[in-house]
Amino acid sequence: MDAECCLSPIWDAAGTVTGLSAVTWDITERKRAETERRAGFVVDETAGMPAVRADAEQIQAAANRAAGLTKQLLVFSRREATRTQVLDLSAIVSDLRNLLSHGIGAHVELLVEAAPGLPAIDADRSQVEQVLLNLAINARDAMPGGGALTIRTSIAELAEGDARLLPGASPGRYVELAVSDTGTGMSAEVAPRIFEPFFTTKPRDQGTGLGLTTVYGIVTQAGGTISVDSEEGTGTTFRLYFPAASAPAMPAAPPAAAPGSLGSGQAILIVDDETQVLDVAARILRGNGYVTAEASTYEEALSLAASRDFQLLLTDSVMPRTSGRALADHVAELRPGLPVLYMSGYSRDTPGSQRSSRDAAAFVPKPFTRTDLLEKVHAALNTPPAAPAPRP
């Protein structure tokens, strides 16, 4: 497992340090997503090879989707605001068909019945995708010898009697997502506990016990509810009910190129203790008109800042033995007025950080897309410097 740790002092009312707070994050998934993001460079380098480029684009799409799911899981775990949209659930199921088919393996038959013309739902697309992925993986694990996984969408009208049987439901119109497998099923003792955090029947090294907890949280956060039918030796069906939205779903738009985000030779100092992040960020920026220098330690960064001229400092927020903010303060002594753009795999409220509102605006989440990084760099380079703080 790869991990990050942040240490922060604890003060009492008199300002005396009385203890130490330590927070550790598992960054295994983040590092995997950042590594997979390199598929984007293969796309750029295979313009003259249509067959190879098509395969690379499929890999890139899968990697981007995985990174987005990881990011949304982090957002959900911190109970922050999500990006809800009016969505076509059937379209999402159809879009994910190939990804799900590869994920469950050849021994499981995938059947998709995505009904057209359903009402839209109001939810976060990446979280809905996370729900589908979690349920599909659970179903796969319940069918080690093979079987069938059926994903079906339909409209459901819940009468008052039906709604009373579902936790948190009200009578009304819903869009139903049913996920059924022909696997081992669950016992009467296990079924009531499946949404409990950290409860799992899988071996210690094969499950965290958070998959179905995440599913439950995402569905209820979208105003929906879940029912589960299971019988040992027969299989399991999850029925997810999302309230029907009154507005029609918006068609998915392809990601647009970042307008005006190409560089014209500006020099950027990139600082991160993860070599993969350094490599990815540098390749994106160099490939789009910028000049870069990379440092993996505080000392390297200060040495480069003292010896070369830069137009931007791009630094990780949390580094061994220091923070991005502390590094930026020291670099500012060498290069007054140098803009700073922070990177982090977590929220802007990272424990131990106390950024100003201006710092918070100059922030790019990891793992980042090419568009994310270029837009943020362009904005940081073109934001007027803040007025100096008044002297006491």
Protein backbone atom coordinates (compact mmCIF):
# COMPACT_ATOMS: atom_id res chain seq x y z
CA MET A 1 0.00 0.00 0.00
CA ASP A 2 1.16 3.56 -0.77
CA ALA A 3 0.30 6.18 1.83
CA GLU A 4 0.66 9.86 2.67
CA CYS A 5 0.88 11.23 6.21
CA CYS A 6 0.24 14.76 7.49
CA LEU A 7 1.32 15.83 10.99
CA SER A 8 -0.21 18.88 12.68
CA PRO A 9 0.37 20.35 16.17
CA ILE A 10 -2.50 20.62 18.66
CA TRP A 11 -2.60 23.84 20.72
CA ASP A 12 -4.46 24.55 23.95
CA ALA A 13 -6.26 27.83 24.72
CA ALA A 14 -3.01 29.40 25.91
CA GLY A 15 -1.23 28.66 22.63
CA THR A 16 0.90 25.83 24.01
CA VAL A 17 1.49 22.72 21.88
CA THR A 18 -0.08 19.84 23.82
CA GLY A 19 -0.14 17.10 21.26
CA LEU A 20 0.26 15.96 17.68
CA SER A 21 -2.43 15.02 15.16
CA ALA A 22 -1.46 12.46 12.52
CA VAL A 23 -3.64 11.74 9.46
CA THR A 24 -2.69 9.03 6.97
CA TRP A 25 -4.31 8.48 3.56
CA ASP A 26 -4.18 5.40 1.34
CA ILE A 27 -3.05 6.78 -2.06
CA THR A 28 -2.76 3.44 -3.86
CA GLU A 29 -5.72 4.13 -6.15
CA ARG A 30 -4.55 7.68 -6.85
CA LYS A 31 -1.12 6.48 -7.94
CA ARG A 32 -2.68 3.80 -10.14
CA ALA A 33 -4.94 6.35 -11.82
CA GLU A 34 -2.03 8.72 -12.42
CA THR A 35 -0.01 5.92 -14.01
CA GLU A 36 -2.90 4.93 -16.27
CA ARG A 37 -3.30 8.56 -17.36
CA ARG A 38 -0.08 8.16 -19.36
CA ALA A 39 -2.27 6.48 -22.02
CA GLY A 40 -2.99 10.04 -23.16
CA PHE A 41 0.56 10.42 -24.36
CA VAL A 42 0.24 7.25 -26.47
CA VAL A 43 -2.76 8.83 -28.23
CA ASP A 44 -0.69 11.90 -29.07
CA GLU A 45 2.17 9.83 -30.45
CA THR A 46 0.14 7.49 -32.69
CA ALA A 47 -1.57 10.01 -34.96
CA GLY A 48 -0.24 8.21 -38.04
CA MET A 49 -1.33 4.74 -36.89
CA PRO A 50 -5.16 4.67 -36.87
CA ALA A 51 -5.52 1.13 -35.49
CA VAL A 52 -3.08 1.70 -32.62
CA ARG A 53 -4.56 5.11 -31.92
CA ALA A 54 -8.08 3.66 -31.65
CA ASP A 55 -6.89 1.12 -29.08
CA ALA A 56 -5.03 3.82 -27.17
CA GLU A 57 -8.13 6.03 -27.09
CA GLN A 58 -10.13 3.17 -25.57
CA ILE A 59 -7.45 2.69 -22.91
CA GLN A 60 -7.40 6.43 -22.26
CA ALA A 61 -11.19 6.55 -21.88
CA ALA A 62 -11.10 3.69 -19.37
CA ALA A 63 -8.27 5.31 -17.43
CA ASN A 64 -10.03 8.67 -17.33
CA ARG A 65 -13.22 7.00 -16.13
CA ALA A 66 -11.34 5.11 -13.40
CA ALA A 67 -9.65 8.31 -12.24
CA GLY A 68 -12.99 10.13 -12.16
CA LEU A 69 -14.58 7.36 -10.11
CA THR A 70 -11.70 7.43 -7.63
CA LYS A 71 -11.98 11.19 -7.29
CA GLN A 72 -15.73 11.05 -6.72
CA LEU A 73 -15.33 8.35 -4.07
CA LEU A 74 -12.95 10.67 -2.20
CA VAL A 75 -15.41 13.54 -2.53
CA PHE A 76 -18.25 11.39 -1.22
CA SER A 77 -16.23 10.11 1.74
CA ARG A 78 -15.70 13.70 2.86
CA ARG A 79 -19.43 14.55 2.42
CA GLU A 80 -18.68 17.49 0.14
CA ALA A 81 -20.96 18.92 -2.52
CA THR A 82 -21.33 16.81 -5.64
CA ARG A 83 -21.81 17.91 -9.22
CA THR A 84 -25.37 16.87 -9.99
CA GLN A 85 -26.76 16.87 -13.52
CA VAL A 86 -29.98 15.85 -15.19
CA LEU A 87 -28.99 12.44 -16.54
CA ASP A 88 -30.32 9.67 -18.79
CA LEU A 89 -29.75 6.53 -16.70
CA SER A 90 -30.25 4.20 -19.67
CA ALA A 91 -27.58 6.08 -21.63
CA ILE A 92 -25.11 5.74 -18.74
CA VAL A 93 -25.74 1.99 -18.54
CA SER A 94 -25.22 1.63 -22.29
CA ASP A 95 -22.05 3.74 -22.21
CA LEU A 96 -20.58 1.55 -19.46
CA ARG A 97 -21.44 -1.75 -21.10
CA ASN A 98 -17.97 -2.42 -22.54
CA LEU A 99 -16.17 -1.35 -19.37
CA LEU A 100 -18.39 -3.56 -17.21
CA SER A 101 -18.01 -6.49 -19.58
CA HIS A 102 -14.21 -6.35 -19.30
CA GLY A 103 -14.41 -5.86 -15.53
CA ILE A 104 -16.51 -8.95 -14.78
CA GLY A 105 -14.54 -11.31 -17.01
CA ALA A 106 -15.41 -13.78 -19.73
CA HIS A 107 -16.91 -16.33 -17.30
CA VAL A 108 -19.87 -14.03 -16.57
CA GLU A 109 -22.44 -13.21 -19.24
CA LEU A 110 -23.56 -9.58 -19.21
CA LEU A 111 -27.14 -8.82 -20.24
CA VAL A 112 -28.19 -5.17 -20.54
CA GLU A 113 -31.80 -4.06 -20.95
CA ALA A 114 -31.64 -0.26 -21.00
CA ALA A 115 -35.16 1.01 -21.70
CA PRO A 116 -35.30 4.08 -23.96
CA GLY A 117 -37.41 7.14 -23.27
CA LEU A 118 -37.26 6.99 -19.48
CA PRO A 119 -37.53 10.14 -17.36
CA ALA A 120 -34.22 11.69 -16.40
CA ILE A 121 -32.68 11.55 -12.92
CA ASP A 122 -30.87 14.28 -10.99
CA ALA A 123 -27.53 12.83 -9.83
CA ASP A 124 -23.76 12.97 -10.17
CA ARG A 125 -22.76 10.95 -13.24
CA SER A 126 -19.44 9.74 -11.84
CA GLN A 127 -21.18 8.53 -8.70
CA VAL A 128 -23.82 6.67 -10.70
CA GLU A 129 -20.99 5.02 -12.62
CA GLN A 130 -19.37 4.12 -9.29
CA VAL A 131 -22.61 2.47 -8.19
CA LEU A 132 -22.78 0.35 -11.34
CA LEU A 133 -19.13 -0.65 -11.10
CA ASN A 134 -19.41 -1.65 -7.43
CA LEU A 135 -22.53 -3.71 -7.97
CA ALA A 136 -21.06 -5.43 -11.04
CA ILE A 137 -17.87 -6.36 -9.18
CA ASN A 138 -19.89 -7.68 -6.23
CA ALA A 139 -21.96 -9.77 -8.60
CA ARG A 140 -18.84 -11.11 -10.32
CA ASP A 141 -17.37 -12.16 -6.97
CA ALA A 142 -20.61 -13.98 -6.13
CA MET A 143 -20.27 -16.08 -9.33
CA PRO A 144 -16.75 -17.59 -9.19
CA GLY A 145 -17.87 -20.46 -11.38
CA GLY A 146 -19.63 -18.24 -13.91
CA GLY A 147 -23.17 -17.06 -14.38
CA ALA A 148 -25.21 -14.17 -15.70
CA LEU A 149 -25.34 -10.52 -14.68
CA THR A 150 -28.42 -8.60 -15.81
CA ILE A 151 -28.68 -4.82 -15.65
CA ARG A 152 -32.10 -3.39 -16.39
CA THR A 153 -33.60 0.11 -16.33
CA SER A 154 -37.32 0.83 -16.17
CA ILE A 155 -39.88 3.27 -14.78
CA ALA A 156 -41.47 2.58 -11.42
CA GLU A 157 -44.56 4.17 -9.90
CA LEU A 158 -44.42 3.69 -6.13
CA ALA A 159 -47.81 3.75 -4.45
CA GLU A 160 -48.09 4.63 -0.78
CA GLY A 161 -48.02 0.99 0.25
CA ASP A 162 -44.89 0.31 -1.85
CA ALA A 163 -43.08 3.37 -0.52
CA ARG A 164 -43.72 2.30 3.09
CA LEU A 165 -41.69 -0.86 2.45
CA LEU A 166 -38.65 1.08 1.23
CA PRO A 167 -36.49 3.10 3.66
CA GLY A 168 -36.78 6.84 3.08
CA ALA A 169 -39.07 6.51 0.04
CA SER A 170 -42.12 8.63 -0.75
CA PRO A 171 -44.92 7.78 -3.17
CA GLY A 172 -44.19 8.97 -6.69
CA ARG A 173 -42.44 8.33 -9.97
CA TYR A 174 -38.98 6.75 -10.00
CA VAL A 175 -36.44 5.40 -12.46
CA GLU A 176 -35.47 1.90 -11.40
CA LEU A 177 -32.05 0.34 -11.89
CA ALA A 178 -32.11 -3.43 -11.27
CA VAL A 179 -28.85 -5.39 -11.03
CA SER A 180 -29.33 -9.18 -10.81
CA ASP A 181 -26.87 -12.06 -10.62
CA THR A 182 -27.19 -15.84 -10.56
CA GLY A 183 -24.57 -16.24 -7.86
CA THR A 184 -24.32 -17.69 -4.39
CA GLY A 185 -26.87 -15.35 -2.81
CA MET A 186 -26.89 -14.25 0.82
CA SER A 187 -28.07 -15.86 4.02
CA ALA A 188 -30.76 -14.32 6.22
CA GLU A 189 -28.04 -13.36 8.71
CA VAL A 190 -25.82 -11.59 6.17
CA ALA A 191 -28.42 -9.71 4.08
CA PRO A 192 -29.47 -7.15 6.75
CA ARG A 193 -25.83 -6.10 7.30
CA ILE A 194 -24.59 -5.58 3.75
CA PHE A 195 -24.72 -1.76 3.88
CA GLU A 196 -22.82 -1.53 7.18
CA PRO A 197 -19.40 0.17 6.85
CA PHE A 198 -16.52 -2.33 6.81
CA PHE A 199 -18.82 -5.36 6.91
CA THR A 200 -17.68 -7.95 4.38
CA THR A 201 -17.80 -11.70 3.90
CA LYS A 202 -14.75 -11.62 1.64
CA PRO A 203 -11.25 -12.59 2.81
CA ARG A 204 -9.28 -9.80 4.48
CA ASP A 205 -7.14 -9.09 1.42
CA GLN A 206 -10.05 -9.09 -1.05
CA GLY A 207 -12.59 -6.62 0.32
CA THR A 208 -12.75 -3.43 2.35
CA GLY A 209 -16.43 -3.62 3.28
CA LEU A 210 -17.04 -0.17 1.79
CA GLY A 211 -18.38 -1.02 -1.67
CA LEU A 212 -22.06 -1.41 -0.78
CA THR A 213 -21.82 1.30 1.87
CA THR A 214 -20.72 3.65 -0.89
CA VAL A 215 -23.57 2.48 -3.13
CA TYR A 216 -26.12 3.12 -0.38
CA GLY A 217 -24.70 6.56 0.38
CA ILE A 218 -24.66 7.66 -3.24
CA VAL A 219 -28.23 6.51 -3.94
CA THR A 220 -29.68 8.10 -0.79
CA GLN A 221 -27.71 11.29 -1.42
CA ALA A 222 -29.49 11.47 -4.79
CA GLY A 223 -32.84 11.18 -2.99
CA GLY A 224 -33.31 7.53 -3.87
CA THR A 225 -33.64 4.24 -2.04
CA ILE A 226 -32.61 0.58 -2.43
CA SER A 227 -34.26 -2.81 -1.97
CA VAL A 228 -32.43 -6.15 -2.01
CA ASP A 229 -33.80 -9.64 -2.75
CA SER A 230 -31.47 -12.56 -2.21
CA GLU A 231 -31.67 -16.30 -1.74
CA GLU A 232 -28.80 -18.65 -1.00
CA GLY A 233 -27.84 -20.69 -4.04
CA THR A 234 -30.09 -18.66 -6.36
CA GLY A 235 -28.71 -15.15 -6.64
CA THR A 236 -29.26 -11.55 -5.65
CA THR A 237 -31.12 -8.57 -7.12
CA PHE A 238 -30.47 -4.97 -6.11
CA ARG A 239 -33.23 -2.53 -7.06
CA LEU A 240 -32.22 1.12 -6.95
CA TYR A 241 -34.91 3.80 -7.17
CA PHE A 242 -33.95 7.32 -8.30
CA PRO A 243 -36.62 10.05 -8.22
CA ALA A 244 -37.68 11.02 -11.74
CA ALA A 245 -36.58 14.55 -12.68
CA SER A 246 -38.99 16.96 -14.30
CA ALA A 247 -36.40 18.33 -16.75
CA PRO A 248 -35.11 16.29 -19.71
CA ALA A 249 -31.58 14.89 -19.61
CA MET A 250 -28.85 16.98 -21.17
CA PRO A 251 -26.90 15.25 -23.95
CA ALA A 252 -23.32 14.46 -22.99
CA ALA A 253 -20.95 16.90 -24.61
CA PRO A 254 -17.44 15.85 -25.61
CA PRO A 255 -14.72 17.55 -23.57
CA ALA A 256 -13.71 20.79 -25.21
CA ALA A 257 -10.15 21.91 -25.65
CA ALA A 258 -9.08 24.48 -23.11
CA PRO A 259 -9.41 27.84 -24.88
CA GLY A 260 -6.24 29.91 -24.93
CA SER A 261 -4.44 27.55 -22.57
CA LEU A 262 -1.39 26.86 -24.72
CA GLY A 263 1.87 28.27 -23.47
CA SER A 264 4.35 30.50 -25.25
CA GLY A 265 7.60 29.54 -23.58
CA GLN A 266 6.74 30.43 -19.96
CA ALA A 267 8.99 28.61 -17.48
CA ILE A 268 7.28 26.56 -14.75
CA LEU A 269 8.92 24.98 -11.68
CA ILE A 270 7.11 21.71 -10.82
CA VAL A 271 7.61 20.28 -7.33
CA ASP A 272 6.27 16.90 -6.19
CA ASP A 273 7.84 13.99 -4.33
CA GLU A 274 6.07 11.50 -6.64
CA THR A 275 8.13 11.03 -9.80
CA GLN A 276 5.07 9.85 -11.74
CA VAL A 277 3.29 13.14 -11.09
CA LEU A 278 6.39 15.11 -12.06
CA ASP A 279 6.70 13.19 -15.30
CA VAL A 280 3.03 13.49 -16.26
CA ALA A 281 2.77 17.20 -15.44
CA ALA A 282 6.03 18.02 -17.22
CA ARG A 283 5.08 16.10 -20.37
CA ILE A 284 1.67 17.77 -20.55
CA LEU A 285 3.11 21.25 -20.08
CA ARG A 286 6.12 20.78 -22.39
CA GLY A 287 3.84 19.34 -25.05
CA ASN A 288 1.70 22.46 -24.90
CA GLY A 289 4.21 25.26 -25.20
CA TYR A 290 5.70 25.60 -21.72
CA VAL A 291 9.27 25.13 -20.44
CA THR A 292 9.59 23.11 -17.22
CA ALA A 293 12.06 22.22 -14.49
CA GLU A 294 11.25 19.49 -11.99
CA ALA A 295 12.17 19.03 -8.32
CA SER A 296 11.21 16.19 -6.00
CA THR A 297 12.49 17.74 -2.76
CA TYR A 298 12.27 21.05 -0.92
CA GLU A 299 16.04 21.56 -1.31
CA GLU A 300 16.01 20.92 -5.06
CA ALA A 301 13.13 23.34 -5.50
CA LEU A 302 14.90 26.16 -3.63
CA SER A 303 18.11 25.55 -5.57
CA LEU A 304 16.29 25.79 -8.90
CA ALA A 305 14.33 28.87 -7.80
CA ALA A 306 17.58 30.59 -6.82
CA SER A 307 19.37 29.82 -10.06
CA ARG A 308 16.66 30.21 -12.73
CA ASP A 309 13.82 32.52 -13.64
CA PHE A 310 10.29 31.08 -13.51
CA GLN A 311 6.84 32.44 -14.24
CA LEU A 312 4.95 29.89 -12.08
CA LEU A 313 5.50 27.50 -9.17
CA LEU A 314 3.39 24.32 -9.49
CA THR A 315 3.72 22.40 -6.21
CA ASP A 316 2.13 19.56 -4.30
CA SER A 317 0.24 20.73 -1.19
CA VAL A 318 1.66 18.06 1.13
CA MET A 319 5.30 16.96 0.91
CA PRO A 320 7.71 15.12 3.21
CA ARG A 321 8.95 17.41 6.01
CA THR A 322 7.16 20.48 4.64
CA SER A 323 4.04 21.77 2.91
CA GLY A 324 3.44 23.41 -0.44
CA ARG A 325 2.52 26.62 1.34
CA ALA A 326 5.79 26.70 3.31
CA LEU A 327 7.75 26.02 0.13
CA ALA A 328 5.89 28.80 -1.69
CA ASP A 329 6.70 31.22 1.13
CA HIS A 330 10.42 30.45 0.87
CA VAL A 331 10.42 30.64 -2.92
CA ALA A 332 8.67 34.01 -2.64
CA GLU A 333 11.70 35.31 -0.75
CA LEU A 334 13.80 34.48 -3.81
CA ARG A 335 11.21 35.35 -6.46
CA PRO A 336 8.76 37.93 -5.06
CA GLY A 337 5.37 37.91 -6.77
CA LEU A 338 5.83 34.47 -8.38
CA PRO A 339 2.35 32.91 -8.92
CA VAL A 340 1.73 29.57 -7.18
CA LEU A 341 -0.56 26.72 -8.25
CA TYR A 342 -1.14 23.93 -5.71
CA MET A 343 -1.80 20.25 -6.48
CA SER A 344 -3.47 17.74 -4.16
CA GLY A 345 -5.23 14.41 -4.32
CA TYR A 346 -7.59 15.48 -1.57
CA SER A 347 -9.92 18.32 -0.76
CA ARG A 348 -8.94 21.95 -0.36
CA ASP A 349 -9.52 21.45 3.36
CA THR A 350 -6.54 19.10 3.69
CA PRO A 351 -5.84 18.71 7.42
CA GLY A 352 -2.93 20.88 8.49
CA SER A 353 -3.27 23.32 5.61
CA GLN A 354 -4.42 26.89 6.14
CA ARG A 355 -4.59 28.40 2.69
CA SER A 356 -6.04 31.78 1.92
CA SER A 357 -9.07 32.07 -0.34
CA ARG A 358 -6.69 33.14 -3.10
CA ASP A 359 -4.58 30.02 -2.59
CA ALA A 360 -7.72 27.86 -2.69
CA ALA A 361 -8.63 29.25 -6.12
CA ALA A 362 -5.16 28.35 -7.43
CA PHE A 363 -5.69 24.62 -6.94
CA VAL A 364 -5.72 21.62 -9.29
CA PRO A 365 -6.95 18.25 -7.96
CA LYS A 366 -4.95 15.07 -8.56
CA PRO A 367 -5.25 12.97 -10.61
CA PHE A 368 -5.75 15.74 -13.16
CA THR A 369 -6.67 15.64 -16.82
CA ARG A 370 -4.69 17.47 -19.47
CA THR A 371 -7.49 20.02 -19.76
CA ASP A 372 -7.65 20.51 -15.96
CA LEU A 373 -3.95 21.24 -15.71
CA LEU A 374 -3.70 23.50 -18.75
CA GLU A 375 -6.70 25.58 -17.72
CA LYS A 376 -5.44 26.03 -14.17
CA VAL A 377 -1.92 26.91 -15.30
CA HIS A 378 -3.28 29.43 -17.80
CA ALA A 379 -5.47 31.01 -15.10
CA ALA A 380 -2.63 31.16 -12.58
CA LEU A 381 -0.32 32.83 -15.08
CA ASN A 382 -2.94 35.41 -16.00
CA THR A 383 -4.28 36.30 -12.55
CA PRO A 384 -3.07 39.73 -11.34
CA PRO A 385 -0.80 39.47 -8.29
CA ALA A 386 -2.41 40.01 -4.90
CA ALA A 387 -1.75 43.26 -3.14
CA PRO A 388 0.97 42.93 -0.47
CA ALA A 389 -0.26 42.62 3.10
CA PRO A 390 -0.01 45.85 5.11
CA ARG A 391 2.95 46.06 7.44
CA PRO A 392 2.12 46.10 11.14
